[in-house]
Amino acid sequence: MAAVLGLIGVVAGWRALRRSSRTGAVGTLSTGLIALALGGTVAATASGGLGTGSGLGGAYVGMLVGLIAAALGGRALARSRSTG
């Protein structure tokens, strides 16, 4: 779930960068941070290693994609402040 949420955030981040919309930037930033936190929670509570079916691989992907979405959201927010 964290990876899907992060991917949604990345797509919204690219759109927010293209349009310089403040609302899209804040939404992307919050979506990325939620995906990052959700992936971190799953990674911290996973009982097995990679490939055991505990979701650790998906948690790592979710954290990575969430971090990318948060960075895009922060960049779009900074851009919207400078143009606004």
Protein backbone atom coordinates (compact mmCIF):
# COMPACT_ATOMS: atom_id res chain seq x y z
CA MET A 1 0.00 0.00 0.00
CA ALA A 2 2.88 2.37 0.75
CA ALA A 3 4.35 1.83 -2.72
CA VAL A 4 1.03 2.56 -4.43
CA LEU A 5 0.52 5.68 -2.33
CA GLY A 6 4.05 6.78 -3.15
CA LEU A 7 3.50 6.24 -6.88
CA ILE A 8 0.35 8.35 -6.71
CA GLY A 9 2.41 11.02 -4.98
CA VAL A 10 5.12 10.93 -7.65
CA VAL A 11 2.58 11.35 -10.45
CA ALA A 12 0.90 14.20 -8.57
CA GLY A 13 4.33 15.73 -7.95
CA TRP A 14 5.19 15.83 -11.63
CA ARG A 15 1.83 17.41 -12.35
CA ALA A 16 2.33 19.98 -9.58
CA LEU A 17 5.77 20.86 -10.95
CA ARG A 18 4.37 21.40 -14.41
CA ARG A 19 1.49 23.60 -13.24
CA SER A 20 3.14 25.32 -10.23
CA SER A 21 0.01 24.76 -8.17
CA ARG A 22 0.33 25.23 -4.42
CA THR A 23 -2.55 22.87 -3.62
CA GLY A 24 -1.03 20.07 -5.67
CA ALA A 25 2.37 20.65 -4.08
CA VAL A 26 1.01 20.40 -0.54
CA GLY A 27 -0.98 17.29 -1.44
CA THR A 28 2.06 15.67 -3.02
CA LEU A 29 4.27 16.51 -0.06
CA SER A 30 1.79 15.06 2.42
CA THR A 31 1.19 11.95 0.29
CA GLY A 32 4.92 11.33 0.06
CA LEU A 33 5.42 11.74 3.81
CA ILE A 34 2.52 9.39 4.57
CA ALA A 35 3.95 6.76 2.20
CA LEU A 36 7.36 7.17 3.80
CA ALA A 37 5.93 6.72 7.30
CA LEU A 38 3.77 3.77 6.28
CA GLY A 39 6.70 2.02 4.60
CA GLY A 40 8.86 2.66 7.65
CA THR A 41 6.23 1.20 9.95
CA VAL A 42 5.95 -1.96 7.87
CA ALA A 43 9.75 -2.27 7.66
CA ALA A 44 10.10 -1.87 11.42
CA THR A 45 7.46 -4.47 12.23
CA ALA A 46 8.30 -7.07 9.56
CA SER A 47 9.18 -10.39 11.11
CA GLY A 48 11.15 -11.92 8.24
CA GLY A 49 13.70 -10.84 5.69
CA LEU A 50 13.40 -10.06 2.01
CA GLY A 51 11.57 -12.74 0.08
CA THR A 52 9.77 -14.27 3.07
CA GLY A 53 6.40 -12.70 2.32
CA SER A 54 6.41 -10.29 5.24
CA GLY A 55 6.24 -7.22 2.99
CA LEU A 56 9.72 -5.93 3.64
CA GLY A 57 10.53 -5.44 -0.05
CA GLY A 58 7.34 -3.49 -0.61
CA ALA A 59 8.08 -1.41 2.45
CA TYR A 60 11.49 -0.46 1.07
CA VAL A 61 9.99 0.42 -2.31
CA GLY A 62 7.27 2.43 -0.57
CA MET A 63 9.83 4.36 1.45
CA LEU A 64 11.93 5.11 -1.62
CA VAL A 65 8.99 6.21 -3.75
CA GLY A 66 7.54 8.18 -0.83
CA LEU A 67 10.83 10.01 -0.43
CA ILE A 68 10.85 10.88 -4.13
CA ALA A 69 7.24 12.11 -3.91
CA ALA A 70 8.05 14.25 -0.86
CA ALA A 71 11.05 15.77 -2.65
CA LEU A 72 8.94 16.56 -5.71
CA GLY A 73 6.26 18.07 -3.50
CA GLY A 74 8.80 20.22 -1.68
CA ARG A 75 10.28 21.41 -4.94
CA ALA A 76 6.85 22.21 -6.36
CA LEU A 77 5.94 24.06 -3.15
CA ALA A 78 9.12 26.14 -3.36
CA ARG A 79 8.42 26.90 -6.99
CA SER A 80 4.84 27.93 -6.27
CA ARG A 81 6.03 30.30 -3.53
CA SER A 82 8.52 31.99 -5.85
CA THR A 83 5.96 32.45 -8.63
CA GLY A 84 3.08 33.44 -6.35
